[in-house]
Amino acid sequence: MELDADLAEALWVLGQPGRRFDLEVMERDTLASLERIASARDRLLDCVSIEERSDLLACAAVVRQHLAQGEAYTDIPGYDPHAR
């Protein structure tokens, strides 16, 4: 869950006034979190059966095709992507 929180924080910071945070540190931390996604995904897939893995990957491919970029912010508390 820590990786999930790190990525949510990175999205939240994008909507904040620029001088409020050290953006270089946020960029460094966000890039580090993004580098961890592949291994986290692999660990998750190692926990499920081959059949479940196949179904999960097929479902993920369908979801990716239909997601709008703004939907990344859906569960970020207090963030309204339309308020810019």
Protein backbone atom coordinates (compact mmCIF):
# COMPACT_ATOMS: atom_id res chain seq x y z
CA MET A 1 0.00 0.00 0.00
CA GLU A 2 2.95 2.35 0.50
CA LEU A 3 3.57 2.50 -3.25
CA ASP A 4 -0.11 3.29 -3.82
CA ALA A 5 0.08 6.15 -1.31
CA ASP A 6 3.30 7.49 -2.84
CA LEU A 7 1.74 7.68 -6.28
CA ALA A 8 -1.46 9.26 -4.94
CA GLU A 9 0.63 11.88 -3.15
CA ALA A 10 2.50 12.64 -6.37
CA LEU A 11 -0.80 13.29 -8.17
CA TRP A 12 -2.08 15.42 -5.31
CA VAL A 13 1.05 17.60 -5.27
CA LEU A 14 0.58 18.44 -8.95
CA GLY A 15 -2.50 20.43 -8.00
CA GLN A 16 -0.83 22.39 -5.19
CA PRO A 17 0.83 25.83 -5.39
CA GLY A 18 4.39 25.37 -6.69
CA ARG A 19 6.21 26.97 -3.79
CA ARG A 20 4.50 24.85 -1.20
CA PHE A 21 6.62 21.74 -1.84
CA ASP A 22 10.17 20.93 -2.90
CA LEU A 23 9.33 19.80 -6.43
CA GLU A 24 12.79 18.34 -7.04
CA VAL A 25 12.37 16.04 -4.04
CA MET A 26 8.84 15.14 -5.14
CA GLU A 27 10.09 14.35 -8.66
CA ARG A 28 12.88 12.17 -7.26
CA ASP A 29 10.47 10.31 -4.98
CA THR A 30 7.87 9.90 -7.73
CA LEU A 31 10.43 8.50 -10.17
CA ALA A 32 11.62 6.07 -7.49
CA SER A 33 8.01 4.96 -6.93
CA LEU A 34 7.41 4.52 -10.66
CA GLU A 35 10.49 2.29 -10.85
CA ARG A 36 8.95 0.04 -8.18
CA ILE A 37 5.71 -0.61 -10.09
CA ALA A 38 7.04 -3.44 -12.27
CA SER A 39 8.39 -5.46 -9.34
CA ALA A 40 5.20 -4.85 -7.31
CA ARG A 41 3.14 -6.06 -10.27
CA ASP A 42 5.31 -9.16 -10.61
CA ARG A 43 4.99 -9.95 -6.89
CA LEU A 44 1.20 -9.67 -7.15
CA LEU A 45 1.07 -11.93 -10.21
CA ASP A 46 3.26 -14.49 -8.42
CA CYS A 47 0.53 -14.83 -5.78
CA VAL A 48 -2.19 -16.00 -8.17
CA SER A 49 -2.66 -19.11 -10.27
CA ILE A 50 -1.77 -19.17 -13.97
CA GLU A 51 -5.45 -19.08 -14.90
CA GLU A 52 -6.15 -16.14 -12.60
CA ARG A 53 -3.05 -14.35 -13.89
CA SER A 54 -4.22 -14.75 -17.47
CA ASP A 55 -7.68 -13.41 -16.60
CA LEU A 56 -6.21 -10.52 -14.61
CA LEU A 57 -3.85 -9.46 -17.40
CA ALA A 58 -6.64 -9.64 -19.98
CA CYS A 59 -8.89 -7.53 -17.76
CA ALA A 60 -6.08 -4.99 -17.18
CA ALA A 61 -5.59 -4.62 -20.93
CA VAL A 62 -9.29 -3.84 -21.41
CA VAL A 63 -9.31 -1.35 -18.53
CA ARG A 64 -6.23 0.47 -19.87
CA GLN A 65 -7.94 0.96 -23.24
CA HIS A 66 -10.91 2.70 -21.62
CA LEU A 67 -9.33 4.85 -18.91
CA ALA A 68 -9.23 8.59 -19.38
CA GLN A 69 -6.14 10.36 -18.03
CA GLY A 70 -8.23 12.41 -15.59
CA GLU A 71 -9.50 9.24 -13.93
CA ALA A 72 -6.11 8.88 -12.25
CA TYR A 73 -7.31 11.49 -9.77
CA THR A 74 -10.64 9.84 -8.91
CA ASP A 75 -9.66 8.67 -5.41
CA ILE A 76 -7.37 11.56 -4.44
CA PRO A 77 -9.11 13.25 -1.47
CA GLY A 78 -9.74 16.95 -1.95
CA TYR A 79 -8.48 17.03 -5.52
CA ASP A 80 -10.70 18.35 -8.28
CA PRO A 81 -8.93 18.08 -11.66
CA HIS A 82 -11.52 20.43 -13.15
CA ALA A 83 -10.68 23.23 -10.68
CA ARG A 84 -7.60 24.38 -12.58
